[in-house]
PDB file of N, CA and C in Angstrom:
ATOM      1  N   MET A   1      62.233 135.193  57.611  1.00  0.00           N
ATOM      2  CA  MET A   1      61.487 134.365  56.727  1.00  0.00           C
ATOM      3  C   MET A   1      63.040 133.888  55.807  1.00  0.00           C
ATOM      4  N   THR A   2      63.308 132.771  55.443  1.00  0.00           N
ATOM      5  CA  THR A   2      63.828 132.255  54.595  1.00  0.00           C
ATOM      6  C   THR A   2      63.270 132.146  53.300  1.00  0.00           C
ATOM      7  N   ILE A   3      63.964 132.044  51.979  1.00  0.00           N
ATOM      8  CA  ILE A   3      63.468 131.845  51.013  1.00  0.00           C
ATOM      9  C   ILE A   3      62.440 131.079  50.653  1.00  0.00           C
ATOM     10  N   LYS A   4      63.511 129.625  51.150  1.00  0.00           N
ATOM     11  CA  LYS A   4      62.296 128.290  51.215  1.00  0.00           C
ATOM     12  C   LYS A   4      61.468 128.399  52.318  1.00  0.00           C
ATOM     13  N   GLU A   5      61.758 128.826  53.333  1.00  0.00           N
ATOM     14  CA  GLU A   5      60.389 128.919  54.208  1.00  0.00           C
ATOM     15  C   GLU A   5      58.960 129.677  53.520  1.00  0.00           C
ATOM     16  N   GLN A   6      59.250 130.824  52.728  1.00  0.00           N
ATOM     17  CA  GLN A   6      58.495 131.165  52.294  1.00  0.00           C
ATOM     18  C   GLN A   6      57.625 130.571  50.972  1.00  0.00           C
ATOM     19  N   ALA A   7      58.783 129.920  50.338  1.00  0.00           N
ATOM     20  CA  ALA A   7      58.300 128.795  49.346  1.00  0.00           C
ATOM     21  C   ALA A   7      57.205 127.352  50.009  1.00  0.00           C
ATOM     22  N   LEU A   8      57.427 126.994  51.043  1.00  0.00           N
ATOM     23  CA  LEU A   8      56.573 126.060  51.896  1.00  0.00           C
ATOM     24  C   LEU A   8      55.347 126.710  52.495  1.00  0.00           C
ATOM     25  N   GLU A   9      55.577 128.404  52.789  1.00  0.00           N
ATOM     26  CA  GLU A   9      54.211 129.126  53.045  1.00  0.00           C
ATOM     27  C   GLU A   9      53.223 129.019  51.654  1.00  0.00           C
ATOM     28  N   ILE A  10      53.471 129.133  50.575  1.00  0.00           N
ATOM     29  CA  ILE A  10      52.995 129.208  49.739  1.00  0.00           C
ATOM     30  C   ILE A  10      52.187 127.661  49.096  1.00  0.00           C
ATOM     31  N   VAL A  11      53.059 126.759  49.349  1.00  0.00           N
ATOM     32  CA  VAL A  11      52.251 125.526  48.644  1.00  0.00           C
ATOM     33  C   VAL A  11      51.555 125.351  50.537  1.00  0.00           C
ATOM     34  N   LYS A  12      51.193 125.928  51.306  1.00  0.00           N
ATOM     35  CA  LYS A  12      50.477 125.542  52.326  1.00  0.00           C
ATOM     36  C   LYS A  12      49.347 126.308  52.402  1.00  0.00           C
ATOM     37  N   ALA A  13      49.331 127.463  51.450  1.00  0.00           N
ATOM     38  CA  ALA A  13      48.167 128.073  51.144  1.00  0.00           C
ATOM     39  C   ALA A  13      47.575 127.338  49.998  1.00  0.00           C
ATOM     40  N   LEU A  14      48.270 127.305  49.068  1.00  0.00           N
ATOM     41  CA  LEU A  14      47.614 126.535  47.636  1.00  0.00           C
ATOM     42  C   LEU A  14      47.022 125.236  48.262  1.00  0.00           C
ATOM     43  N   ASN A  15      47.911 124.673  49.086  1.00  0.00           N
ATOM     44  CA  ASN A  15      46.559 123.338  49.755  1.00  0.00           C
ATOM     45  C   ASN A  15      45.512 123.664  50.387  1.00  0.00           C
ATOM     46  N   SER A  16      45.282 124.555  50.896  1.00  0.00           N
ATOM     47  CA  SER A  16      44.542 125.472  52.045  1.00  0.00           C
ATOM     48  C   SER A  16      43.317 125.560  51.106  1.00  0.00           C
ATOM     49  N   LYS A  17      43.401 125.670  50.004  1.00  0.00           N
ATOM     50  CA  LYS A  17      42.185 126.086  48.902  1.00  0.00           C
ATOM     51  C   LYS A  17      42.068 124.971  48.182  1.00  0.00           C
ATOM     52  N   LEU A  18      42.461 123.715  48.640  1.00  0.00           N
ATOM     53  CA  LEU A  18      42.308 122.454  47.209  1.00  0.00           C
ATOM     54  C   LEU A  18      43.234 122.671  46.045  1.00  0.00           C
ATOM     55  N   GLY A  19      44.328 123.385  46.272  1.00  0.00           N
ATOM     56  CA  GLY A  19      45.021 123.052  44.779  1.00  0.00           C
ATOM     57  C   GLY A  19      45.390 122.047  44.140  1.00  0.00           C
ATOM     58  N   LEU A  20      45.548 121.449  42.966  1.00  0.00           N
ATOM     59  CA  LEU A  20      45.985 120.549  42.584  1.00  0.00           C
ATOM     60  C   LEU A  20      47.220 120.201  42.230  1.00  0.00           C
ATOM     61  N   ASP A  21      47.595 118.911  42.193  1.00  0.00           N
ATOM     62  CA  ASP A  21      49.068 118.716  41.433  1.00  0.00           C
ATOM     63  C   ASP A  21      50.031 120.055  41.849  1.00  0.00           C
ATOM     64  N   ILE A  22      50.717 120.611  43.131  1.00  0.00           N
ATOM     65  CA  ILE A  22      50.843 121.235  43.399  1.00  0.00           C
ATOM     66  C   ILE A  22      52.638 120.989  43.533  1.00  0.00           C
ATOM     67  N   LYS A  23      53.183 121.261  43.221  1.00  0.00           N
ATOM     68  CA  LYS A  23      54.686 121.131  42.553  1.00  0.00           C
ATOM     69  C   LYS A  23      55.689 122.367  43.148  1.00  0.00           C
ATOM     70  N   LEU A  24      56.641 121.697  43.768  1.00  0.00           N
ATOM     71  CA  LEU A  24      57.877 123.256  44.118  1.00  0.00           C
ATOM     72  C   LEU A  24      58.921 122.517  43.888  1.00  0.00           C
ATOM     73  N   ILE A  25      59.374 123.514  42.434  1.00  0.00           N
ATOM     74  CA  ILE A  25      61.232 122.958  42.163  1.00  0.00           C
ATOM     75  C   ILE A  25      61.765 123.811  42.385  1.00  0.00           C
ATOM     76  N   GLU A  26      62.917 123.557  43.342  1.00  0.00           N
ATOM     77  CA  GLU A  26      64.272 124.355  43.083  1.00  0.00           C
ATOM     78  C   GLU A  26      64.615 124.425  41.932  1.00  0.00           C
ATOM     79  N   ILE A  27      65.003 125.646  41.305  1.00  0.00           N
ATOM     80  CA  ILE A  27      65.666 125.994  39.786  1.00  0.00           C
ATOM     81  C   ILE A  27      66.946 126.538  40.359  1.00  0.00           C
ATOM     82  N   SER A  28      67.480 126.884  41.237  1.00  0.00           N
ATOM     83  CA  SER A  28      68.446 127.620  41.369  1.00  0.00           C
ATOM     84  C   SER A  28      69.655 127.525  40.651  1.00  0.00           C
ATOM     85  N   ASP A  29      69.935 126.096  40.517  1.00  0.00           N
ATOM     86  CA  ASP A  29      70.877 125.561  39.630  1.00  0.00           C
ATOM     87  C   ASP A  29      70.487 125.908  38.213  1.00  0.00           C
ATOM     88  N   VAL A  30      69.774 125.899  38.096  1.00  0.00           N
ATOM     89  CA  VAL A  30      69.222 125.726  36.503  1.00  0.00           C
ATOM     90  C   VAL A  30      69.088 127.223  35.707  1.00  0.00           C
ATOM     91  N   THR A  31      68.845 128.445  36.601  1.00  0.00           N
ATOM     92  CA  THR A  31      68.642 129.650  36.093  1.00  0.00           C
ATOM     93  C   THR A  31      68.723 130.446  37.234  1.00  0.00           C
ATOM     94  N   VAL A  32      69.088 132.026  36.955  1.00  0.00           N
ATOM     95  CA  VAL A  32      69.279 132.697  37.870  1.00  0.00           C
ATOM     96  C   VAL A  32      67.844 133.679  37.860  1.00  0.00           C
ATOM     97  N   LEU A  33      66.861 133.266  37.210  1.00  0.00           N
ATOM     98  CA  LEU A  33      65.557 134.236  37.540  1.00  0.00           C
ATOM     99  C   LEU A  33      65.233 133.805  38.826  1.00  0.00           C
ATOM    100  N   ALA A  34      64.752 132.658  39.424  1.00  0.00           N
ATOM    101  CA  ALA A  34      64.727 132.515  40.648  1.00  0.00           C
ATOM    102  C   ALA A  34      65.228 131.308  41.502  1.00  0.00           C
ATOM    103  N   ASP A  35      65.112 131.012  42.688  1.00  0.00           N
ATOM    104  CA  ASP A  35      65.341 129.839  43.558  1.00  0.00           C
ATOM    105  C   ASP A  35      64.759 128.900  43.199  1.00  0.00           C
ATOM    106  N   TYR A  36      63.027 129.352  43.381  1.00  0.00           N
ATOM    107  CA  TYR A  36      61.905 128.374  43.450  1.00  0.00           C
ATOM    108  C   TYR A  36      60.991 128.804  42.840  1.00  0.00           C
ATOM    109  N   MET A  37      60.234 127.848  41.867  1.00  0.00           N
ATOM    110  CA  MET A  37      59.364 127.584  40.818  1.00  0.00           C
ATOM    111  C   MET A  37      58.292 126.850  41.531  1.00  0.00           C
ATOM    112  N   VAL A  38      57.235 127.557  42.050  1.00  0.00           N
ATOM    113  CA  VAL A  38      56.095 126.681  42.524  1.00  0.00           C
ATOM    114  C   VAL A  38      54.615 126.545  41.258  1.00  0.00           C
ATOM    115  N   ILE A  39      54.131 125.545  41.278  1.00  0.00           N
ATOM    116  CA  ILE A  39      53.264 125.269  40.226  1.00  0.00           C
ATOM    117  C   ILE A  39      52.139 124.294  40.680  1.00  0.00           C
ATOM    118  N   ALA A  40      50.410 125.052  40.604  1.00  0.00           N
ATOM    119  CA  ALA A  40      49.538 124.223  41.104  1.00  0.00           C
ATOM    120  C   ALA A  40      48.368 125.082  39.986  1.00  0.00           C
ATOM    121  N   THR A  41      47.575 123.918  40.188  1.00  0.00           N
ATOM    122  CA  THR A  41      46.415 123.530  39.231  1.00  0.00           C
ATOM    123  C   THR A  41      45.096 123.676  40.038  1.00  0.00           C
ATOM    124  N   GLY A  42      44.139 124.718  39.370  1.00  0.00           N
ATOM    125  CA  GLY A  42      42.624 125.015  40.067  1.00  0.00           C
ATOM    126  C   GLY A  42      41.367 123.980  39.061  1.00  0.00           C
ATOM    127  N   ARG A  43      40.834 123.826  39.526  1.00  0.00           N
ATOM    128  CA  ARG A  43      39.549 122.960  38.432  1.00  0.00           C
ATOM    129  C   ARG A  43      39.112 123.919  37.966  1.00  0.00           C
ATOM    130  N   SER A  44      38.657 125.412  38.313  1.00  0.00           N
ATOM    131  CA  SER A  44      37.915 126.650  37.555  1.00  0.00           C
ATOM    132  C   SER A  44      38.517 127.668  37.716  1.00  0.00           C
ATOM    133  N   SER A  45      38.310 128.458  36.604  1.00  0.00           N
ATOM    134  CA  SER A  45      38.582 130.077  36.835  1.00  0.00           C
ATOM    135  C   SER A  45      38.541 130.750  38.316  1.00  0.00           C
ATOM    136  N   THR A  46      37.550 130.367  38.796  1.00  0.00           N
ATOM    137  CA  THR A  46      37.206 131.092  39.885  1.00  0.00           C
ATOM    138  C   THR A  46      37.956 130.387  41.405  1.00  0.00           C
ATOM    139  N   GLN A  47      38.662 129.281  41.041  1.00  0.00           N
ATOM    140  CA  GLN A  47      39.445 128.411  41.841  1.00  0.00           C
ATOM    141  C   GLN A  47      40.829 128.789  41.809  1.00  0.00           C
ATOM    142  N   VAL A  48      41.485 128.975  40.284  1.00  0.00           N
ATOM    143  CA  VAL A  48      42.764 129.461  40.235  1.00  0.00           C
ATOM    144  C   VAL A  48      42.890 130.633  40.632  1.00  0.00           C
ATOM    145  N   LYS A  49      41.967 131.761  40.958  1.00  0.00           N
ATOM    146  CA  LYS A  49      41.635 133.450  40.956  1.00  0.00           C
ATOM    147  C   LYS A  49      41.715 133.146  42.668  1.00  0.00           C
ATOM    148  N   ALA A  50      41.253 132.082  43.664  1.00  0.00           N
ATOM    149  CA  ALA A  50      41.041 132.211  44.790  1.00  0.00           C
ATOM    150  C   ALA A  50      42.623 131.410  45.003  1.00  0.00           C
ATOM    151  N   LEU A  51      43.030 130.700  44.742  1.00  0.00           N
ATOM    152  CA  LEU A  51      44.284 130.509  45.059  1.00  0.00           C
ATOM    153  C   LEU A  51      45.385 131.315  44.928  1.00  0.00           C
ATOM    154  N   ALA A  52      45.402 132.096  43.816  1.00  0.00           N
ATOM    155  CA  ALA A  52      46.291 133.083  43.609  1.00  0.00           C
ATOM    156  C   ALA A  52      45.908 133.771  45.029  1.00  0.00           C
ATOM    157  N   ASP A  53      44.677 134.461  45.235  1.00  0.00           N
ATOM    158  CA  ASP A  53      44.726 135.375  45.857  1.00  0.00           C
ATOM    159  C   ASP A  53      44.855 134.889  47.642  1.00  0.00           C
ATOM    160  N   GLU A  54      44.865 133.757  48.165  1.00  0.00           N
ATOM    161  CA  GLU A  54      45.405 132.988  49.292  1.00  0.00           C
ATOM    162  C   GLU A  54      47.033 133.259  49.422  1.00  0.00           C
ATOM    163  N   VAL A  55      47.605 132.682  48.319  1.00  0.00           N
ATOM    164  CA  VAL A  55      49.081 132.968  48.112  1.00  0.00           C
ATOM    165  C   VAL A  55      49.572 134.126  48.718  1.00  0.00           C
ATOM    166  N   GLU A  56      49.015 135.404  48.273  1.00  0.00           N
ATOM    167  CA  GLU A  56      49.195 136.918  48.153  1.00  0.00           C
ATOM    168  C   GLU A  56      48.749 136.920  49.494  1.00  0.00           C
ATOM    169  N   PHE A  57      47.379 136.841  50.180  1.00  0.00           N
ATOM    170  CA  PHE A  57      47.079 136.876  51.651  1.00  0.00           C
ATOM    171  C   PHE A  57      48.328 136.412  52.723  1.00  0.00           C
ATOM    172  N   LYS A  58      48.349 135.385  52.375  1.00  0.00           N
ATOM    173  CA  LYS A  58      49.205 134.435  53.702  1.00  0.00           C
ATOM    174  C   LYS A  58      50.943 135.082  53.352  1.00  0.00           C
ATOM    175  N   LEU A  59      51.229 135.342  52.394  1.00  0.00           N
ATOM    176  CA  LEU A  59      52.701 135.947  52.583  1.00  0.00           C
ATOM    177  C   LEU A  59      52.353 137.258  52.821  1.00  0.00           C
ATOM    178  N   SER A  60      51.737 138.453  52.258  1.00  0.00           N
ATOM    179  CA  SER A  60      51.194 139.332  52.983  1.00  0.00           C
ATOM    180  C   SER A  60      51.103 139.619  54.445  1.00  0.00           C
ATOM    181  N   GLU A  61      50.311 138.750  54.963  1.00  0.00           N
ATOM    182  CA  GLU A  61      50.481 138.414  56.377  1.00  0.00           C
ATOM    183  C   GLU A  61      51.848 138.571  56.998  1.00  0.00           C
ATOM    184  N   LYS A  62      52.618 137.837  56.215  1.00  0.00           N
ATOM    185  CA  LYS A  62      54.094 137.676  56.978  1.00  0.00           C
ATOM    186  C   LYS A  62      55.024 138.639  56.471  1.00  0.00           C
ATOM    187  N   GLY A  63      54.683 139.621  55.759  1.00  0.00           N
ATOM    188  CA  GLY A  63      55.188 140.862  55.507  1.00  0.00           C
ATOM    189  C   GLY A  63      56.023 140.554  54.196  1.00  0.00           C
ATOM    190  N   VAL A  64      55.312 139.458  53.348  1.00  0.00           N
ATOM    191  CA  VAL A  64      56.158 139.378  52.216  1.00  0.00           C
ATOM    192  C   VAL A  64      55.354 139.699  50.546  1.00  0.00           C
ATOM    193  N   GLU A  65      55.503 140.859  50.313  1.00  0.00           N
ATOM    194  CA  GLU A  65      54.449 141.148  49.125  1.00  0.00           C
ATOM    195  C   GLU A  65      55.233 140.543  47.814  1.00  0.00           C
ATOM    196  N   PRO A  66      54.610 140.780  46.411  1.00  0.00           N
ATOM    197  CA  PRO A  66      54.904 140.133  45.421  1.00  0.00           C
ATOM    198  C   PRO A  66      55.241 141.664  44.310  1.00  0.00           C
ATOM    199  N   SER A  67      56.703 141.344  44.133  1.00  0.00           N
ATOM    200  CA  SER A  67      56.905 142.769  43.080  1.00  0.00           C
ATOM    201  C   SER A  67      56.108 142.461  41.810  1.00  0.00           C
ATOM    202  N   HIS A  68      55.598 141.606  41.189  1.00  0.00           N
ATOM    203  CA  HIS A  68      54.726 141.591  40.301  1.00  0.00           C
ATOM    204  C   HIS A  68      53.880 140.763  39.988  1.00  0.00           C
ATOM    205  N   ILE A  69      52.539 141.020  39.160  1.00  0.00           N
ATOM    206  CA  ILE A  69      51.368 139.875  39.306  1.00  0.00           C
ATOM    207  C   ILE A  69      51.178 139.650  38.123  1.00  0.00           C
ATOM    208  N   GLU A  70      50.988 138.922  37.150  1.00  0.00           N
ATOM    209  CA  GLU A  70      50.566 138.986  35.983  1.00  0.00           C
ATOM    210  C   GLU A  70      49.142 137.620  35.857  1.00  0.00           C
ATOM    211  N   GLY A  71      48.261 138.495  34.923  1.00  0.00           N
ATOM    212  CA  GLY A  71      47.193 137.435  34.805  1.00  0.00           C
ATOM    213  C   GLY A  71      46.009 137.416  35.773  1.00  0.00           C
ATOM    214  N   HIS A  72      45.889 138.577  36.194  1.00  0.00           N
ATOM    215  CA  HIS A  72      44.675 138.844  37.504  1.00  0.00           C
ATOM    216  C   HIS A  72      43.549 139.117  36.548  1.00  0.00           C
ATOM    217  N   ARG A  73      43.388 139.253  35.476  1.00  0.00           N
ATOM    218  CA  ARG A  73      42.038 139.474  34.482  1.00  0.00           C
ATOM    219  C   ARG A  73      42.065 138.101  33.926  1.00  0.00           C
ATOM    220  N   SER A  74      43.170 137.270  33.887  1.00  0.00           N
ATOM    221  CA  SER A  74      42.939 135.863  32.985  1.00  0.00           C
ATOM    222  C   SER A  74      41.929 135.114  33.846  1.00  0.00           C
ATOM    223  N   ASN A  75      41.394 133.573  33.377  1.00  0.00           N
ATOM    224  CA  ASN A  75      40.800 132.608  33.392  1.00  0.00           C
ATOM    225  C   ASN A  75      41.315 131.427  33.622  1.00  0.00           C
ATOM    226  N   SER A  76      42.784 131.576  33.322  1.00  0.00           N
ATOM    227  CA  SER A  76      43.381 130.409  33.113  1.00  0.00           C
ATOM    228  C   SER A  76      44.480 130.352  33.870  1.00  0.00           C
ATOM    229  N   TRP A  77      45.784 131.150  34.045  1.00  0.00           N
ATOM    230  CA  TRP A  77      47.240 131.382  34.526  1.00  0.00           C
ATOM    231  C   TRP A  77      47.523 133.002  35.255  1.00  0.00           C
ATOM    232  N   ILE A  78      47.408 132.485  36.431  1.00  0.00           N
ATOM    233  CA  ILE A  78      48.275 133.896  37.012  1.00  0.00           C
ATOM    234  C   ILE A  78      49.732 133.541  37.597  1.00  0.00           C
ATOM    235  N   LEU A  79      50.421 134.650  37.476  1.00  0.00           N
ATOM    236  CA  LEU A  79      51.565 134.282  38.057  1.00  0.00           C
ATOM    237  C   LEU A  79      51.902 135.262  39.123  1.00  0.00           C
ATOM    238  N   LEU A  80      52.128 134.927  40.527  1.00  0.00           N
ATOM    239  CA  LEU A  80      52.781 135.971  41.115  1.00  0.00           C
ATOM    240  C   LEU A  80      54.633 135.865  41.147  1.00  0.00           C
ATOM    241  N   ASP A  81      55.139 136.784  41.199  1.00  0.00           N
ATOM    242  CA  ASP A  81      56.503 136.877  41.184  1.00  0.00           C
ATOM    243  C   ASP A  81      56.932 137.504  42.433  1.00  0.00           C
ATOM    244  N   TYR A  82      57.748 136.493  43.176  1.00  0.00           N
ATOM    245  CA  TYR A  82      58.234 136.906  44.513  1.00  0.00           C
ATOM    246  C   TYR A  82      59.874 137.183  44.345  1.00  0.00           C
ATOM    247  N   THR A  83      60.206 137.530  43.188  1.00  0.00           N
ATOM    248  CA  THR A  83      61.691 137.934  43.248  1.00  0.00           C
ATOM    249  C   THR A  83      62.413 136.095  42.898  1.00  0.00           C
ATOM    250  N   ASP A  84      62.404 136.138  44.525  1.00  0.00           N
ATOM    251  CA  ASP A  84      62.890 134.564  44.554  1.00  0.00           C
ATOM    252  C   ASP A  84      62.299 133.619  44.358  1.00  0.00           C
ATOM    253  N   ILE A  85      60.700 133.221  44.388  1.00  0.00           N
ATOM    254  CA  ILE A  85      60.205 132.148  43.986  1.00  0.00           C
ATOM    255  C   ILE A  85      58.780 132.849  43.019  1.00  0.00           C
ATOM    256  N   ILE A  86      58.788 131.945  41.905  1.00  0.00           N
ATOM    257  CA  ILE A  86      58.060 132.335  40.873  1.00  0.00           C
ATOM    258  C   ILE A  86      56.639 131.369  41.383  1.00  0.00           C
ATOM    259  N   VAL A  87      55.358 131.860  41.078  1.00  0.00           N
ATOM    260  CA  VAL A  87      54.133 131.112  41.239  1.00  0.00           C
ATOM    261  C   VAL A  87      53.235 130.828  40.285  1.00  0.00           C
ATOM    262  N   ASN A  88      52.966 129.874  39.827  1.00  0.00           N
ATOM    263  CA  ASN A  88      52.295 129.716  38.938  1.00  0.00           C
ATOM    264  C   ASN A  88      50.810 129.281  39.201  1.00  0.00           C
ATOM    265  N   VAL A  89      49.897 129.577  38.570  1.00  0.00           N
ATOM    266  CA  VAL A  89      48.438 128.992  39.194  1.00  0.00           C
ATOM    267  C   VAL A  89      47.487 128.702  38.062  1.00  0.00           C
ATOM    268  N   PHE A  90      47.770 127.499  37.210  1.00  0.00           N
ATOM    269  CA  PHE A  90      47.029 127.316  36.342  1.00  0.00           C
ATOM    270  C   PHE A  90      45.335 126.863  36.135  1.00  0.00           C
ATOM    271  N   ASP A  91      44.583 126.981  35.371  1.00  0.00           N
ATOM    272  CA  ASP A  91      43.797 126.111  35.026  1.00  0.00           C
ATOM    273  C   ASP A  91      44.208 124.426  34.525  1.00  0.00           C
ATOM    274  N   GLU A  92      43.704 123.598  34.412  1.00  0.00           N
ATOM    275  CA  GLU A  92      44.138 122.239  34.292  1.00  0.00           C
ATOM    276  C   GLU A  92      44.338 122.261  32.384  1.00  0.00           C
ATOM    277  N   GLU A  93      43.784 123.020  31.590  1.00  0.00           N
ATOM    278  CA  GLU A  93      44.155 122.832  30.053  1.00  0.00           C
ATOM    279  C   GLU A  93      45.117 123.942  29.654  1.00  0.00           C
ATOM    280  N   ALA A  94      45.594 125.013  30.427  1.00  0.00           N
ATOM    281  CA  ALA A  94      46.411 126.337  30.638  1.00  0.00           C
ATOM    282  C   ALA A  94      47.900 125.221  31.094  1.00  0.00           C
ATOM    283  N   ARG A  95      47.939 124.455  32.075  1.00  0.00           N
ATOM    284  CA  ARG A  95      49.003 123.927  32.560  1.00  0.00           C
ATOM    285  C   ARG A  95      49.437 122.983  31.735  1.00  0.00           C
ATOM    286  N   ASP A  96      48.632 121.918  30.903  1.00  0.00           N
ATOM    287  CA  ASP A  96      49.147 120.881  29.833  1.00  0.00           C
ATOM    288  C   ASP A  96      49.448 121.769  28.937  1.00  0.00           C
ATOM    289  N   PHE A  97      48.785 122.703  28.633  1.00  0.00           N
ATOM    290  CA  PHE A  97      49.339 123.503  27.069  1.00  0.00           C
ATOM    291  C   PHE A  97      50.831 124.020  27.467  1.00  0.00           C
ATOM    292  N   TYR A  98      50.914 124.698  28.517  1.00  0.00           N
ATOM    293  CA  TYR A  98      52.194 125.055  28.716  1.00  0.00           C
ATOM    294  C   TYR A  98      53.214 124.583  29.454  1.00  0.00           C
ATOM    295  N   ALA A  99      53.145 123.480  29.839  1.00  0.00           N
ATOM    296  CA  ALA A  99      54.031 122.324  30.234  1.00  0.00           C
ATOM    297  C   ALA A  99      55.360 122.633  31.102  1.00  0.00           C
ATOM    298  N   LEU A 100      54.840 123.712  32.055  1.00  0.00           N
ATOM    299  CA  LEU A 100      55.982 123.763  33.125  1.00  0.00           C
ATOM    300  C   LEU A 100      56.967 123.100  33.901  1.00  0.00           C
ATOM    301  N   ASP A 101      55.775 121.817  34.018  1.00  0.00           N
ATOM    302  CA  ASP A 101      56.372 120.722  34.311  1.00  0.00           C
ATOM    303  C   ASP A 101      57.998 119.998  33.560  1.00  0.00           C
ATOM    304  N   ARG A 102      57.693 120.354  32.456  1.00  0.00           N
ATOM    305  CA  ARG A 102      58.512 119.922  31.583  1.00  0.00           C
ATOM    306  C   ARG A 102      59.660 120.889  31.549  1.00  0.00           C
ATOM    307  N   LEU A 103      59.298 121.417  31.435  1.00  0.00           N
ATOM    308  CA  LEU A 103      60.069 122.737  31.049  1.00  0.00           C
ATOM    309  C   LEU A 103      61.467 122.914  31.953  1.00  0.00           C
ATOM    310  N   TRP A 104      60.655 122.709  33.475  1.00  0.00           N
ATOM    311  CA  TRP A 104      61.829 123.027  34.776  1.00  0.00           C
ATOM    312  C   TRP A 104      62.027 121.424  35.392  1.00  0.00           C
ATOM    313  N   GLN A 105      62.069 120.322  34.180  1.00  0.00           N
ATOM    314  CA  GLN A 105      62.286 119.170  34.614  1.00  0.00           C
ATOM    315  C   GLN A 105      63.848 118.882  35.231  1.00  0.00           C
ATOM    316  N   ASP A 106      64.802 119.814  34.965  1.00  0.00           N
ATOM    317  CA  ASP A 106      66.486 119.597  35.130  1.00  0.00           C
ATOM    318  C   ASP A 106      66.077 120.429  36.656  1.00  0.00           C
ATOM    319  N   GLY A 107      65.137 120.947  37.137  1.00  0.00           N
ATOM    320  CA  GLY A 107      65.170 121.707  38.325  1.00  0.00           C
ATOM    321  C   GLY A 107      65.162 120.280  39.253  1.00  0.00           C
ATOM    322  N   LYS A 108      65.118 120.610  40.857  1.00  0.00           N
ATOM    323  CA  LYS A 108      65.111 119.824  41.738  1.00  0.00           C
ATOM    324  C   LYS A 108      63.793 119.893  42.621  1.00  0.00           C
ATOM    325  N   GLU A 109      62.906 119.036  42.497  1.00  0.00           N
ATOM    326  CA  GLU A 109      61.469 118.910  42.504  1.00  0.00           C
ATOM    327  C   GLU A 109      61.849 118.519  44.356  1.00  0.00           C
ATOM    328  N   ILE A 110      61.067 119.484  45.507  1.00  0.00           N
ATOM    329  CA  ILE A 110      61.151 119.007  46.712  1.00  0.00           C
ATOM    330  C   ILE A 110      60.502 118.506  46.818  1.00  0.00           C
ATOM    331  N   ASP A 111      60.212 117.465  48.543  1.00  0.00           N
ATOM    332  CA  ASP A 111      58.817 116.804  48.535  1.00  0.00           C
ATOM    333  C   ASP A 111      58.049 117.679  49.419  1.00  0.00           C
ATOM    334  N   ILE A 112      57.189 117.462  49.302  1.00  0.00           N
ATOM    335  CA  ILE A 112      56.398 118.450  49.925  1.00  0.00           C
ATOM    336  C   ILE A 112      55.221 117.735  50.240  1.00  0.00           C
ATOM    337  N   GLU A 113      55.145 116.324  50.297  1.00  0.00           N
ATOM    338  CA  GLU A 113      53.949 115.416  50.882  1.00  0.00           C
ATOM    339  C   GLU A 113      53.989 115.491  52.349  1.00  0.00           C
ATOM    340  N   ASP A 114      54.301 115.751  52.929  1.00  0.00           N
ATOM    341  CA  ASP A 114      53.989 116.245  54.346  1.00  0.00           C
ATOM    342  C   ASP A 114      53.617 117.529  55.115  1.00  0.00           C
ATOM    343  N   ILE A 115      53.607 118.168  53.843  1.00  0.00           N
ATOM    344  CA  ILE A 115      52.725 119.235  53.863  1.00  0.00           C
ATOM    345  C   ILE A 115      51.117 119.368  53.696  1.00  0.00           C
ATOM    346  N   ILE A 116      50.898 118.502  52.308  1.00  0.00           N
ATOM    347  CA  ILE A 116      49.548 118.704  51.492  1.00  0.00           C
ATOM    348  C   ILE A 116      48.822 117.518  51.920  1.00  0.00           C
ATOM    349  N   SER A 117      49.349 116.140  52.537  1.00  0.00           N
ATOM    350  CA  SER A 117      48.768 115.132  52.975  1.00  0.00           C
ATOM    351  C   SER A 117      47.791 115.483  54.185  1.00  0.00           C
TER     352      SER A 117
END
């Protein structure tokens, strides 16, 4: 499974749990941190956790485990680090506050409409 295929699986997992405003941004030309950044919003702290859990579950089924997870005790932001893909799941307030969409605007946003429609 390629890195891009993994990123698309993450998008599918987030969409399956009704994540909002899902974005897949290719950042490999902008930073060495990762190749892709995935950003999604949950309507509540419960949904934020459910979204992150679903990503972890679906990728684990494919044999892909996160190297690091931050914020599992948080109610507003969970980060899953898959080395080449960084997944950020926010509640609406935290997403507005941290503005990662704006921070990574120099990356290339990947069209995922066919996956989430």
